[in-house]
Amino acid sequence: MKRFLVFLFAVAFAGQAGAQTTFTVNGLKYAVTDGNNVLVGNNNAIRKGSRAPKGALEIPSTVKKGSTNYIVTGICGLAFFCCKDLTSVTIPNSVTIIGGQAFFCCSSLTSVTIGNSVTEIGSRAFWGCCSLTSITIPNSVTIIGGQAFFCCSSLTSVTIGNSVTEIGSTAFEGCSSLTSVTIPNSVTSIGDYAFEGCSSLTSVTIPDSVTSIGEGVFVGCSSLTSVTIGNSVTEIGSTAFEGCSSLTSVTIPNSVTSIGDYAFEGCSSLTSVTIPNSVTTIYRGAFEGCSSLTSIRYEGSSEPTYQSTSFTYVDKTIPVYVPADYGSNSWCGFTNLIKGHD
């Protein structure tokens, strides 16, 4: 196992640094990429030895070797892999990229300051940093990689800068203490399972810039009571809100055309739902187990395509309010249609 981890580090360092000149200053290893630019990576971290960084680490913006001053522009993948005694990190403004798994499983890390030139936080960059309590992602960042903050179970708040366009798959999965997150208007894509298991999250606003809500994005967010879905979302993915047992109401915007498999399954506190006329398809199990539904409001003039399981375990006698010009006497198997709602 030890040899395998060393191999992974060597591959990451060689891949990002082009296997060029390396040197060590004050216990940190640097690799020259081009000109006077270097990446930082700790060559002792994988060994978990006494020379691995401990306590507070301030990564320098420049480092001198011989007569040359180098600019630190990036952090290698696996750079501080499993540095379990690292408690805080300050990343300077010179750094533009935080590599994949850079701080993987730094379980004592409580504080991270990210410089305002970082554009990308790599996949699994802070995976398993279970002592991290809050994070501010600067405006310079455009991509939050998949599993970037996976299982940061002490993380209570996240501020996402207004240049982020992509939140990767499972980026915040398992952040069970996360109570609030603000998704800025710059975000266009939220990856599958991005907030799965964020069981303390109480409300979320999905901005108008987002066009699709991926599969399982908020699955298991059992404290979620309020959701605002932006007016550009065209698809609510499979299991997107599955198991959101505290969700009481949801308004689906007129941009949505389909509601995916089991999208709201198990939303047992959901009492009302408004479905716009833009929805043409409601897939299997979409509202299965929404046993507290007391009414449905449908704004279309004709019945959407649905499956027999779309509303399993929902009382089919509850009122369904439809427009006066609704062209049928049935709606998805429900028997109590009320035409002419406002």
C-alpha atoms as a PDB file:
ATOM      1  CA  MET A   1       0.000   0.000   0.000  1.00  0.00           C
ATOM      2  CA  LYS A   2       2.787   2.391   0.920  1.00  0.00           C
ATOM      3  CA  ARG A   3       4.558   1.825  -2.402  1.00  0.00           C
ATOM      4  CA  PHE A   4       1.266   2.389  -4.228  1.00  0.00           C
ATOM      5  CA  LEU A   5       0.688   5.771  -2.543  1.00  0.00           C
ATOM      6  CA  VAL A   6       4.235   6.890  -3.306  1.00  0.00           C
ATOM      7  CA  PHE A   7       3.638   5.873  -6.916  1.00  0.00           C
ATOM      8  CA  LEU A   8       0.413   7.923  -7.036  1.00  0.00           C
ATOM      9  CA  PHE A   9       2.243  10.960  -5.714  1.00  0.00           C
ATOM     10  CA  ALA A  10       5.056  10.547  -8.233  1.00  0.00           C
ATOM     11  CA  VAL A  11       2.561  10.328 -11.076  1.00  0.00           C
ATOM     12  CA  ALA A  12       0.668  13.418  -9.882  1.00  0.00           C
ATOM     13  CA  PHE A  13       3.849  15.423  -9.427  1.00  0.00           C
ATOM     14  CA  ALA A  14       5.334  14.345 -12.753  1.00  0.00           C
ATOM     15  CA  GLY A  15       2.046  14.984 -14.572  1.00  0.00           C
ATOM     16  CA  GLN A  16       1.588  18.489 -13.258  1.00  0.00           C
ATOM     17  CA  ALA A  17       5.221  19.521 -13.158  1.00  0.00           C
ATOM     18  CA  GLY A  18       6.284  17.914 -16.404  1.00  0.00           C
ATOM     19  CA  ALA A  19       8.951  15.910 -14.535  1.00  0.00           C
ATOM     20  CA  GLN A  20      11.152  19.009 -14.537  1.00  0.00           C
ATOM     21  CA  THR A  21      13.608  20.316 -11.933  1.00  0.00           C
ATOM     22  CA  THR A  22      12.593  19.848  -8.300  1.00  0.00           C
ATOM     23  CA  PHE A  23      14.054  21.248  -5.110  1.00  0.00           C
ATOM     24  CA  THR A  24      13.210  21.453  -1.415  1.00  0.00           C
ATOM     25  CA  VAL A  25      13.051  24.552   0.782  1.00  0.00           C
ATOM     26  CA  ASN A  26      11.964  24.516   4.440  1.00  0.00           C
ATOM     27  CA  GLY A  27      10.577  20.982   4.145  1.00  0.00           C
ATOM     28  CA  LEU A  28       8.413  21.688   1.097  1.00  0.00           C
ATOM     29  CA  LYS A  29       9.171  20.305  -2.335  1.00  0.00           C
ATOM     30  CA  TYR A  30       8.812  22.470  -5.416  1.00  0.00           C
ATOM     31  CA  ALA A  31       8.796  21.593  -9.109  1.00  0.00           C
ATOM     32  CA  VAL A  32       9.711  24.079 -11.818  1.00  0.00           C
ATOM     33  CA  THR A  33       7.051  24.203 -14.539  1.00  0.00           C
ATOM     34  CA  ASP A  34       8.305  26.953 -16.825  1.00  0.00           C
ATOM     35  CA  GLY A  35      10.408  30.032 -16.393  1.00  0.00           C
ATOM     36  CA  ASN A  36      10.302  31.060 -12.749  1.00  0.00           C
ATOM     37  CA  ASN A  37       6.996  29.318 -11.946  1.00  0.00           C
ATOM     38  CA  VAL A  38       6.812  26.376  -9.545  1.00  0.00           C
ATOM     39  CA  LEU A  39       4.242  24.022  -8.043  1.00  0.00           C
ATOM     40  CA  VAL A  40       4.413  23.094  -4.381  1.00  0.00           C
ATOM     41  CA  GLY A  41       4.112  19.542  -3.139  1.00  0.00           C
ATOM     42  CA  ASN A  42       5.242  17.977   0.108  1.00  0.00           C
ATOM     43  CA  ASN A  43       7.398  14.937  -0.559  1.00  0.00           C
ATOM     44  CA  ASN A  44       7.109  13.642   3.013  1.00  0.00           C
ATOM     45  CA  ALA A  45       3.334  13.810   3.399  1.00  0.00           C
ATOM     46  CA  ILE A  46       2.546  10.350   2.071  1.00  0.00           C
ATOM     47  CA  ARG A  47       5.069   8.805   4.430  1.00  0.00           C
ATOM     48  CA  LYS A  48       3.285  10.502   7.332  1.00  0.00           C
ATOM     49  CA  GLY A  49       6.733  11.039   8.853  1.00  0.00           C
ATOM     50  CA  SER A  50       7.938  13.569  11.386  1.00  0.00           C
ATOM     51  CA  ARG A  51       8.811  16.049   8.633  1.00  0.00           C
ATOM     52  CA  ALA A  52       5.258  16.217   7.269  1.00  0.00           C
ATOM     53  CA  PRO A  53       3.718  19.682   7.840  1.00  0.00           C
ATOM     54  CA  LYS A  54       2.048  20.166  11.211  1.00  0.00           C
ATOM     55  CA  GLY A  55      -0.023  22.941  12.746  1.00  0.00           C
ATOM     56  CA  ALA A  56      -0.448  26.112  10.693  1.00  0.00           C
ATOM     57  CA  LEU A  57       0.970  26.149   7.188  1.00  0.00           C
ATOM     58  CA  GLU A  58       1.416  29.334   5.190  1.00  0.00           C
ATOM     59  CA  ILE A  59       2.361  28.506   1.631  1.00  0.00           C
ATOM     60  CA  PRO A  60       4.725  31.188   0.338  1.00  0.00           C
ATOM     61  CA  SER A  61       3.949  33.138  -2.817  1.00  0.00           C
ATOM     62  CA  THR A  62       7.633  33.129  -3.775  1.00  0.00           C
ATOM     63  CA  VAL A  63      10.532  30.862  -2.913  1.00  0.00           C
ATOM     64  CA  LYS A  64      14.228  31.395  -3.470  1.00  0.00           C
ATOM     65  CA  LYS A  65      16.634  28.734  -4.675  1.00  0.00           C
ATOM     66  CA  GLY A  66      20.166  29.884  -5.261  1.00  0.00           C
ATOM     67  CA  SER A  67      19.982  33.254  -6.952  1.00  0.00           C
ATOM     68  CA  THR A  68      16.526  32.661  -8.463  1.00  0.00           C
ATOM     69  CA  ASN A  69      13.193  33.806  -7.027  1.00  0.00           C
ATOM     70  CA  TYR A  70      10.397  31.453  -8.076  1.00  0.00           C
ATOM     71  CA  ILE A  71       6.685  32.234  -8.076  1.00  0.00           C
ATOM     72  CA  VAL A  72       4.430  29.576  -6.524  1.00  0.00           C
ATOM     73  CA  THR A  73       1.536  29.243  -9.005  1.00  0.00           C
ATOM     74  CA  GLY A  74      -0.067  25.932  -8.039  1.00  0.00           C
ATOM     75  CA  ILE A  75      -0.464  23.140  -5.507  1.00  0.00           C
ATOM     76  CA  CYS A  76       0.245  19.643  -6.783  1.00  0.00           C
ATOM     77  CA  GLY A  77      -2.285  16.851  -6.695  1.00  0.00           C
ATOM     78  CA  LEU A  78      -1.719  14.776  -3.536  1.00  0.00           C
ATOM     79  CA  ALA A  79       0.579  17.554  -2.279  1.00  0.00           C
ATOM     80  CA  PHE A  80      -0.467  17.308   1.371  1.00  0.00           C
ATOM     81  CA  PHE A  81      -2.165  13.940   1.200  1.00  0.00           C
ATOM     82  CA  CYS A  82      -3.156  12.693   4.655  1.00  0.00           C
ATOM     83  CA  CYS A  83      -1.227  15.328   6.645  1.00  0.00           C
ATOM     84  CA  LYS A  84      -3.301  14.547   9.719  1.00  0.00           C
ATOM     85  CA  ASP A  85      -1.528  17.071  11.975  1.00  0.00           C
ATOM     86  CA  LEU A  86      -2.111  20.021   9.655  1.00  0.00           C
ATOM     87  CA  THR A  87      -4.537  22.455  11.354  1.00  0.00           C
ATOM     88  CA  SER A  88      -4.698  25.487   9.056  1.00  0.00           C
ATOM     89  CA  VAL A  89      -3.570  26.477   5.574  1.00  0.00           C
ATOM     90  CA  THR A  90      -3.140  29.857   3.929  1.00  0.00           C
ATOM     91  CA  ILE A  91      -2.927  29.718   0.139  1.00  0.00           C
ATOM     92  CA  PRO A  92      -1.356  32.846  -1.388  1.00  0.00           C
ATOM     93  CA  ASN A  93      -2.746  35.017  -4.176  1.00  0.00           C
ATOM     94  CA  SER A  94      -0.061  33.726  -6.553  1.00  0.00           C
ATOM     95  CA  VAL A  95      -1.655  30.253  -6.676  1.00  0.00           C
ATOM     96  CA  THR A  96      -4.130  29.637  -9.508  1.00  0.00           C
ATOM     97  CA  ILE A  97      -4.877  25.905  -9.156  1.00  0.00           C
ATOM     98  CA  ILE A  98      -5.369  23.578  -6.197  1.00  0.00           C
ATOM     99  CA  GLY A  99      -4.702  20.094  -7.525  1.00  0.00           C
ATOM    100  CA  GLY A 100      -6.813  16.992  -7.065  1.00  0.00           C
ATOM    101  CA  GLN A 101      -6.578  15.425  -3.589  1.00  0.00           C
ATOM    102  CA  ALA A 102      -4.195  18.217  -2.566  1.00  0.00           C
ATOM    103  CA  PHE A 103      -5.412  18.150   1.065  1.00  0.00           C
ATOM    104  CA  PHE A 104      -7.077  14.739   0.952  1.00  0.00           C
ATOM    105  CA  CYS A 105      -7.990  13.457   4.422  1.00  0.00           C
ATOM    106  CA  CYS A 106      -6.262  16.228   6.384  1.00  0.00           C
ATOM    107  CA  SER A 107      -8.530  15.342   9.283  1.00  0.00           C
ATOM    108  CA  SER A 108      -7.333  18.070  11.705  1.00  0.00           C
ATOM    109  CA  LEU A 109      -7.623  20.913   9.206  1.00  0.00           C
ATOM    110  CA  THR A 110     -10.002  23.494  10.689  1.00  0.00           C
ATOM    111  CA  SER A 111      -9.244  26.595   8.630  1.00  0.00           C
ATOM    112  CA  VAL A 112      -8.398  27.262   4.988  1.00  0.00           C
ATOM    113  CA  THR A 113      -7.787  30.648   3.403  1.00  0.00           C
ATOM    114  CA  ILE A 114      -7.865  30.479  -0.384  1.00  0.00           C
ATOM    115  CA  GLY A 115      -6.092  33.232  -2.318  1.00  0.00           C
ATOM    116  CA  ASN A 116      -8.062  35.345  -4.746  1.00  0.00           C
ATOM    117  CA  SER A 117      -6.296  34.078  -7.881  1.00  0.00           C
ATOM    118  CA  VAL A 118      -7.340  30.430  -7.589  1.00  0.00           C
ATOM    119  CA  THR A 119      -9.513  29.506 -10.574  1.00  0.00           C
ATOM    120  CA  GLU A 120     -10.011  25.798  -9.968  1.00  0.00           C
ATOM    121  CA  ILE A 121     -10.385  23.590  -6.904  1.00  0.00           C
ATOM    122  CA  GLY A 122      -9.521  20.089  -8.056  1.00  0.00           C
ATOM    123  CA  SER A 123     -11.446  16.885  -7.508  1.00  0.00           C
ATOM    124  CA  ARG A 124     -11.275  15.593  -3.919  1.00  0.00           C
ATOM    125  CA  ALA A 125      -9.082  18.563  -2.999  1.00  0.00           C
ATOM    126  CA  PHE A 126     -10.422  18.655   0.587  1.00  0.00           C
ATOM    127  CA  TRP A 127     -11.971  15.175   0.686  1.00  0.00           C
ATOM    128  CA  GLY A 128     -12.470  13.968   4.256  1.00  0.00           C
ATOM    129  CA  CYS A 129     -11.302  17.180   5.967  1.00  0.00           C
ATOM    130  CA  CYS A 130     -13.748  16.368   8.739  1.00  0.00           C
ATOM    131  CA  SER A 131     -12.666  19.212  11.075  1.00  0.00           C
ATOM    132  CA  LEU A 132     -13.130  22.005   8.520  1.00  0.00           C
ATOM    133  CA  THR A 133     -15.961  24.247   9.768  1.00  0.00           C
ATOM    134  CA  SER A 134     -16.355  26.926   7.089  1.00  0.00           C
ATOM    135  CA  ILE A 135     -14.988  27.844   3.705  1.00  0.00           C
ATOM    136  CA  THR A 136     -15.062  30.944   1.531  1.00  0.00           C
ATOM    137  CA  ILE A 137     -14.491  30.260  -2.146  1.00  0.00           C
ATOM    138  CA  PRO A 138     -13.176  33.443  -3.766  1.00  0.00           C
ATOM    139  CA  ASN A 139     -14.669  35.137  -6.811  1.00  0.00           C
ATOM    140  CA  SER A 140     -11.747  33.988  -8.948  1.00  0.00           C
ATOM    141  CA  VAL A 141     -12.807  30.322  -8.791  1.00  0.00           C
ATOM    142  CA  THR A 142     -14.809  29.049 -11.769  1.00  0.00           C
ATOM    143  CA  ILE A 143     -14.812  25.287 -11.108  1.00  0.00           C
ATOM    144  CA  ILE A 144     -15.366  23.321  -7.902  1.00  0.00           C
ATOM    145  CA  GLY A 145     -14.281  19.801  -8.755  1.00  0.00           C
ATOM    146  CA  GLY A 146     -16.109  16.583  -8.018  1.00  0.00           C
ATOM    147  CA  GLN A 147     -15.943  15.468  -4.379  1.00  0.00           C
ATOM    148  CA  ALA A 148     -13.955  18.629  -3.606  1.00  0.00           C
ATOM    149  CA  PHE A 149     -15.398  18.829  -0.068  1.00  0.00           C
ATOM    150  CA  PHE A 150     -16.732  15.281   0.184  1.00  0.00           C
ATOM    151  CA  CYS A 151     -17.545  14.243   3.735  1.00  0.00           C
ATOM    152  CA  CYS A 152     -16.374  17.476   5.384  1.00  0.00           C
ATOM    153  CA  SER A 153     -18.762  16.585   8.177  1.00  0.00           C
ATOM    154  CA  SER A 154     -18.047  19.653  10.374  1.00  0.00           C
ATOM    155  CA  LEU A 155     -18.570  22.164   7.571  1.00  0.00           C
ATOM    156  CA  THR A 156     -21.463  24.423   8.612  1.00  0.00           C
ATOM    157  CA  SER A 157     -21.379  27.183   5.988  1.00  0.00           C
ATOM    158  CA  VAL A 158     -20.096  27.687   2.474  1.00  0.00           C
ATOM    159  CA  THR A 159     -19.743  30.967   0.607  1.00  0.00           C
ATOM    160  CA  ILE A 160     -19.323  30.386  -3.120  1.00  0.00           C
ATOM    161  CA  GLY A 161     -17.775  33.183  -5.148  1.00  0.00           C
ATOM    162  CA  ASN A 162     -19.789  34.756  -7.942  1.00  0.00           C
ATOM    163  CA  SER A 163     -17.562  33.474 -10.746  1.00  0.00           C
ATOM    164  CA  VAL A 164     -18.161  29.780 -10.118  1.00  0.00           C
ATOM    165  CA  THR A 165     -19.876  28.230 -13.133  1.00  0.00           C
ATOM    166  CA  GLU A 166     -19.688  24.563 -12.206  1.00  0.00           C
ATOM    167  CA  ILE A 167     -20.237  22.678  -8.953  1.00  0.00           C
ATOM    168  CA  GLY A 168     -18.916  19.180  -9.585  1.00  0.00           C
ATOM    169  CA  SER A 169     -20.605  15.873  -8.837  1.00  0.00           C
ATOM    170  CA  THR A 170     -20.691  14.988  -5.113  1.00  0.00           C
ATOM    171  CA  ALA A 171     -18.782  18.236  -4.397  1.00  0.00           C
ATOM    172  CA  PHE A 172     -20.358  18.616  -0.926  1.00  0.00           C
ATOM    173  CA  GLU A 173     -21.732  15.114  -0.443  1.00  0.00           C
ATOM    174  CA  GLY A 174     -21.805  14.005   3.183  1.00  0.00           C
ATOM    175  CA  CYS A 175     -21.371  17.525   4.611  1.00  0.00           C
ATOM    176  CA  SER A 176     -23.891  16.615   7.287  1.00  0.00           C
ATOM    177  CA  SER A 177     -23.431  19.815   9.364  1.00  0.00           C
ATOM    178  CA  LEU A 178     -23.909  22.210   6.449  1.00  0.00           C
ATOM    179  CA  THR A 179     -26.826  24.503   7.309  1.00  0.00           C
ATOM    180  CA  SER A 180     -26.539  27.137   4.607  1.00  0.00           C
ATOM    181  CA  VAL A 181     -25.140  27.544   1.138  1.00  0.00           C
ATOM    182  CA  THR A 182     -25.572  30.377  -1.328  1.00  0.00           C
ATOM    183  CA  ILE A 183     -25.371  29.378  -4.977  1.00  0.00           C
ATOM    184  CA  PRO A 184     -24.458  32.457  -7.045  1.00  0.00           C
ATOM    185  CA  ASN A 185     -26.033  33.485 -10.339  1.00  0.00           C
ATOM    186  CA  SER A 186     -22.865  32.512 -12.189  1.00  0.00           C
ATOM    187  CA  VAL A 187     -23.495  28.787 -11.670  1.00  0.00           C
ATOM    188  CA  THR A 188     -24.910  26.997 -14.705  1.00  0.00           C
ATOM    189  CA  SER A 189     -24.294  23.384 -13.725  1.00  0.00           C
ATOM    190  CA  ILE A 190     -24.786  21.509 -10.450  1.00  0.00           C
ATOM    191  CA  GLY A 191     -23.380  17.995 -10.719  1.00  0.00           C
ATOM    192  CA  ASP A 192     -25.042  14.764  -9.669  1.00  0.00           C
ATOM    193  CA  TYR A 193     -25.302  14.212  -5.901  1.00  0.00           C
ATOM    194  CA  ALA A 194     -23.559  17.555  -5.258  1.00  0.00           C
ATOM    195  CA  PHE A 195     -25.267  18.023  -1.865  1.00  0.00           C
ATOM    196  CA  GLU A 196     -26.316  14.446  -1.099  1.00  0.00           C
ATOM    197  CA  GLY A 197     -26.597  13.728   2.606  1.00  0.00           C
ATOM    198  CA  CYS A 198     -26.380  17.384   3.698  1.00  0.00           C
ATOM    199  CA  SER A 199     -28.889  16.498   6.382  1.00  0.00           C
ATOM    200  CA  SER A 200     -28.694  19.872   8.207  1.00  0.00           C
ATOM    201  CA  LEU A 201     -29.343  22.033   5.139  1.00  0.00           C
ATOM    202  CA  THR A 202     -32.632  23.890   5.725  1.00  0.00           C
ATOM    203  CA  SER A 203     -33.158  25.978   2.595  1.00  0.00           C
ATOM    204  CA  VAL A 204     -31.674  26.441  -0.825  1.00  0.00           C
ATOM    205  CA  THR A 205     -32.173  28.819  -3.727  1.00  0.00           C
ATOM    206  CA  ILE A 206     -31.240  27.579  -7.179  1.00  0.00           C
ATOM    207  CA  PRO A 207     -30.548  30.668  -9.304  1.00  0.00           C
ATOM    208  CA  ASP A 208     -31.954  31.426 -12.741  1.00  0.00           C
ATOM    209  CA  SER A 209     -28.562  30.699 -14.309  1.00  0.00           C
ATOM    210  CA  VAL A 210     -28.881  26.960 -13.603  1.00  0.00           C
ATOM    211  CA  THR A 211     -30.432  25.009 -16.483  1.00  0.00           C
ATOM    212  CA  SER A 212     -30.625  21.522 -14.979  1.00  0.00           C
ATOM    213  CA  ILE A 213     -30.727  19.966 -11.531  1.00  0.00           C
ATOM    214  CA  GLY A 214     -28.683  16.800 -11.733  1.00  0.00           C
ATOM    215  CA  GLU A 215     -29.424  13.337 -10.437  1.00  0.00           C
ATOM    216  CA  GLY A 216     -29.657  13.066  -6.666  1.00  0.00           C
ATOM    217  CA  VAL A 217     -28.407  16.627  -6.053  1.00  0.00           C
ATOM    218  CA  PHE A 218     -30.242  17.014  -2.722  1.00  0.00           C
ATOM    219  CA  VAL A 219     -31.061  13.392  -1.938  1.00  0.00           C
ATOM    220  CA  GLY A 220     -31.254  12.770   1.803  1.00  0.00           C
ATOM    221  CA  CYS A 221     -31.329  16.458   2.766  1.00  0.00           C
ATOM    222  CA  SER A 222     -33.805  15.608   5.491  1.00  0.00           C
ATOM    223  CA  SER A 223     -33.922  19.101   7.085  1.00  0.00           C
ATOM    224  CA  LEU A 224     -34.640  20.925   3.839  1.00  0.00           C
ATOM    225  CA  THR A 225     -37.917  22.811   4.280  1.00  0.00           C
ATOM    226  CA  SER A 226     -37.756  25.326   1.456  1.00  0.00           C
ATOM    227  CA  VAL A 227     -36.556  25.178  -2.145  1.00  0.00           C
ATOM    228  CA  THR A 228     -36.633  27.936  -4.745  1.00  0.00           C
ATOM    229  CA  ILE A 229     -35.995  26.641  -8.266  1.00  0.00           C
ATOM    230  CA  GLY A 230     -34.719  29.154 -10.819  1.00  0.00           C
ATOM    231  CA  ASN A 231     -36.610  30.057 -13.974  1.00  0.00           C
ATOM    232  CA  SER A 232     -34.086  28.509 -16.375  1.00  0.00           C
ATOM    233  CA  VAL A 233     -34.160  24.955 -15.055  1.00  0.00           C
ATOM    234  CA  THR A 234     -35.488  22.657 -17.771  1.00  0.00           C
ATOM    235  CA  GLU A 235     -35.081  19.305 -16.040  1.00  0.00           C
ATOM    236  CA  ILE A 236     -35.345  18.081 -12.478  1.00  0.00           C
ATOM    237  CA  GLY A 237     -33.112  15.015 -12.402  1.00  0.00           C
ATOM    238  CA  SER A 238     -33.836  11.569 -11.025  1.00  0.00           C
ATOM    239  CA  THR A 239     -33.918  11.390  -7.195  1.00  0.00           C
ATOM    240  CA  ALA A 240     -33.037  15.121  -7.066  1.00  0.00           C
ATOM    241  CA  PHE A 241     -34.984  15.675  -3.807  1.00  0.00           C
ATOM    242  CA  GLU A 242     -35.507  12.067  -2.742  1.00  0.00           C
ATOM    243  CA  GLY A 243     -35.820  11.704   1.013  1.00  0.00           C
ATOM    244  CA  CYS A 244     -36.208  15.431   1.707  1.00  0.00           C
ATOM    245  CA  SER A 245     -38.695  14.536   4.404  1.00  0.00           C
ATOM    246  CA  SER A 246     -39.073  18.083   5.810  1.00  0.00           C
ATOM    247  CA  LEU A 247     -39.924  19.743   2.492  1.00  0.00           C
ATOM    248  CA  THR A 248     -43.449  21.176   2.777  1.00  0.00           C
ATOM    249  CA  SER A 249     -44.022  22.900  -0.565  1.00  0.00           C
ATOM    250  CA  VAL A 250     -42.383  23.358  -3.911  1.00  0.00           C
ATOM    251  CA  THR A 251     -43.126  25.541  -6.916  1.00  0.00           C
ATOM    252  CA  ILE A 252     -41.739  24.226 -10.173  1.00  0.00           C
ATOM    253  CA  PRO A 253     -41.002  27.040 -12.655  1.00  0.00           C
ATOM    254  CA  ASN A 254     -42.498  27.271 -16.112  1.00  0.00           C
ATOM    255  CA  SER A 255     -39.160  26.382 -17.727  1.00  0.00           C
ATOM    256  CA  VAL A 256     -39.215  22.752 -16.510  1.00  0.00           C
ATOM    257  CA  THR A 257     -40.276  20.171 -19.102  1.00  0.00           C
ATOM    258  CA  SER A 258     -39.659  16.933 -17.209  1.00  0.00           C
ATOM    259  CA  ILE A 259     -39.608  15.665 -13.624  1.00  0.00           C
ATOM    260  CA  GLY A 260     -37.258  12.712 -13.308  1.00  0.00           C
ATOM    261  CA  ASP A 261     -37.625   9.257 -11.756  1.00  0.00           C
ATOM    262  CA  TYR A 262     -38.240   9.452  -7.992  1.00  0.00           C
ATOM    263  CA  ALA A 263     -37.396  13.189  -8.041  1.00  0.00           C
ATOM    264  CA  PHE A 264     -39.487  13.871  -4.902  1.00  0.00           C
ATOM    265  CA  GLU A 265     -39.848  10.328  -3.581  1.00  0.00           C
ATOM    266  CA  GLY A 266     -40.236  10.177   0.178  1.00  0.00           C
ATOM    267  CA  CYS A 267     -40.955  13.897   0.616  1.00  0.00           C
ATOM    268  CA  SER A 268     -43.427  12.887   3.284  1.00  0.00           C
ATOM    269  CA  SER A 269     -44.103  16.449   4.544  1.00  0.00           C
ATOM    270  CA  LEU A 270     -44.913  17.870   1.117  1.00  0.00           C
ATOM    271  CA  THR A 271     -48.467  19.243   1.349  1.00  0.00           C
ATOM    272  CA  SER A 272     -48.782  21.056  -1.961  1.00  0.00           C
ATOM    273  CA  VAL A 273     -47.093  21.250  -5.322  1.00  0.00           C
ATOM    274  CA  THR A 274     -47.531  23.491  -8.340  1.00  0.00           C
ATOM    275  CA  ILE A 275     -46.735  21.964 -11.727  1.00  0.00           C
ATOM    276  CA  PRO A 276     -46.528  24.374 -14.688  1.00  0.00           C
ATOM    277  CA  ASN A 277     -47.883  23.837 -18.178  1.00  0.00           C
ATOM    278  CA  SER A 278     -44.326  23.429 -19.496  1.00  0.00           C
ATOM    279  CA  VAL A 279     -44.057  19.987 -17.861  1.00  0.00           C
ATOM    280  CA  THR A 280     -44.728  17.349 -20.494  1.00  0.00           C
ATOM    281  CA  THR A 281     -43.402  14.265 -18.674  1.00  0.00           C
ATOM    282  CA  ILE A 282     -43.597  13.046 -15.076  1.00  0.00           C
ATOM    283  CA  TYR A 283     -41.466   9.932 -14.735  1.00  0.00           C
ATOM    284  CA  ARG A 284     -41.928   6.882 -12.518  1.00  0.00           C
ATOM    285  CA  GLY A 285     -42.070   7.395  -8.789  1.00  0.00           C
ATOM    286  CA  ALA A 286     -41.602  11.168  -9.157  1.00  0.00           C
ATOM    287  CA  PHE A 287     -43.880  11.870  -6.169  1.00  0.00           C
ATOM    288  CA  GLU A 288     -43.988   8.389  -4.677  1.00  0.00           C
ATOM    289  CA  GLY A 289     -44.530   8.398  -0.928  1.00  0.00           C
ATOM    290  CA  CYS A 290     -45.574  12.065  -0.755  1.00  0.00           C
ATOM    291  CA  SER A 291     -48.248  10.935   1.649  1.00  0.00           C
ATOM    292  CA  SER A 292     -49.053  14.393   3.080  1.00  0.00           C
ATOM    293  CA  LEU A 293     -50.065  15.959  -0.229  1.00  0.00           C
ATOM    294  CA  THR A 294     -53.441  17.662   0.227  1.00  0.00           C
ATOM    295  CA  SER A 295     -53.644  19.403  -3.149  1.00  0.00           C
ATOM    296  CA  ILE A 296     -51.953  19.695  -6.525  1.00  0.00           C
ATOM    297  CA  ARG A 297     -52.115  22.688  -8.838  1.00  0.00           C
ATOM    298  CA  TYR A 298     -51.568  21.993 -12.523  1.00  0.00           C
ATOM    299  CA  GLU A 299     -51.357  24.888 -14.948  1.00  0.00           C
ATOM    300  CA  GLY A 300     -51.445  23.050 -18.275  1.00  0.00           C
ATOM    301  CA  SER A 301     -54.324  22.590 -20.694  1.00  0.00           C
ATOM    302  CA  SER A 302     -53.700  18.885 -21.328  1.00  0.00           C
ATOM    303  CA  GLU A 303     -52.545  15.924 -19.284  1.00  0.00           C
ATOM    304  CA  PRO A 304     -48.773  15.328 -19.241  1.00  0.00           C
ATOM    305  CA  THR A 305     -47.245  11.942 -19.969  1.00  0.00           C
ATOM    306  CA  TYR A 306     -46.902  10.013 -16.730  1.00  0.00           C
ATOM    307  CA  GLN A 307     -46.457   6.494 -15.417  1.00  0.00           C
ATOM    308  CA  SER A 308     -48.737   4.552 -13.112  1.00  0.00           C
ATOM    309  CA  THR A 309     -46.147   4.797 -10.323  1.00  0.00           C
ATOM    310  CA  SER A 310     -45.639   8.582 -10.599  1.00  0.00           C
ATOM    311  CA  PHE A 311     -47.885   9.205  -7.555  1.00  0.00           C
ATOM    312  CA  THR A 312     -47.732   5.870  -5.707  1.00  0.00           C
ATOM    313  CA  TYR A 313     -48.877   6.158  -2.074  1.00  0.00           C
ATOM    314  CA  VAL A 314     -50.555   9.516  -2.709  1.00  0.00           C
ATOM    315  CA  ASP A 315     -54.284   9.885  -2.002  1.00  0.00           C
ATOM    316  CA  LYS A 316     -55.885  10.002  -5.457  1.00  0.00           C
ATOM    317  CA  THR A 317     -58.981  11.788  -4.093  1.00  0.00           C
ATOM    318  CA  ILE A 318     -57.192  15.025  -3.141  1.00  0.00           C
ATOM    319  CA  PRO A 319     -58.186  18.066  -5.233  1.00  0.00           C
ATOM    320  CA  VAL A 320     -56.246  18.765  -8.397  1.00  0.00           C
ATOM    321  CA  TYR A 321     -56.756  22.336  -9.561  1.00  0.00           C
ATOM    322  CA  VAL A 322     -56.579  22.791 -13.320  1.00  0.00           C
ATOM    323  CA  PRO A 323     -57.390  25.705 -15.691  1.00  0.00           C
ATOM    324  CA  ALA A 324     -60.917  26.216 -17.000  1.00  0.00           C
ATOM    325  CA  ASP A 325     -59.846  25.177 -20.495  1.00  0.00           C
ATOM    326  CA  TYR A 326     -58.266  21.923 -19.320  1.00  0.00           C
ATOM    327  CA  GLY A 327     -59.149  19.415 -22.020  1.00  0.00           C
ATOM    328  CA  SER A 328     -59.781  16.245 -20.016  1.00  0.00           C
ATOM    329  CA  ASN A 329     -61.690  14.933 -17.034  1.00  0.00           C
ATOM    330  CA  SER A 330     -58.749  13.029 -15.621  1.00  0.00           C
ATOM    331  CA  TRP A 331     -55.256  13.902 -14.479  1.00  0.00           C
ATOM    332  CA  CYS A 332     -52.571  11.297 -13.721  1.00  0.00           C
ATOM    333  CA  GLY A 333     -55.099   8.952 -12.088  1.00  0.00           C
ATOM    334  CA  PHE A 334     -56.585  11.523  -9.691  1.00  0.00           C
ATOM    335  CA  THR A 335     -60.366  11.644  -9.432  1.00  0.00           C
ATOM    336  CA  ASN A 336     -61.140  15.082  -7.965  1.00  0.00           C
ATOM    337  CA  LEU A 337     -60.469  17.651 -10.661  1.00  0.00           C
ATOM    338  CA  ILE A 338     -61.465  21.238 -10.006  1.00  0.00           C
ATOM    339  CA  LYS A 339     -61.477  23.339 -13.160  1.00  0.00           C
ATOM    340  CA  GLY A 340     -61.146  27.080 -13.348  1.00  0.00           C
ATOM    341  CA  HIS A 341     -58.577  27.880 -10.672  1.00  0.00           C
ATOM    342  CA  ASP A 342     -57.043  31.355 -10.664  1.00  0.00           C
END
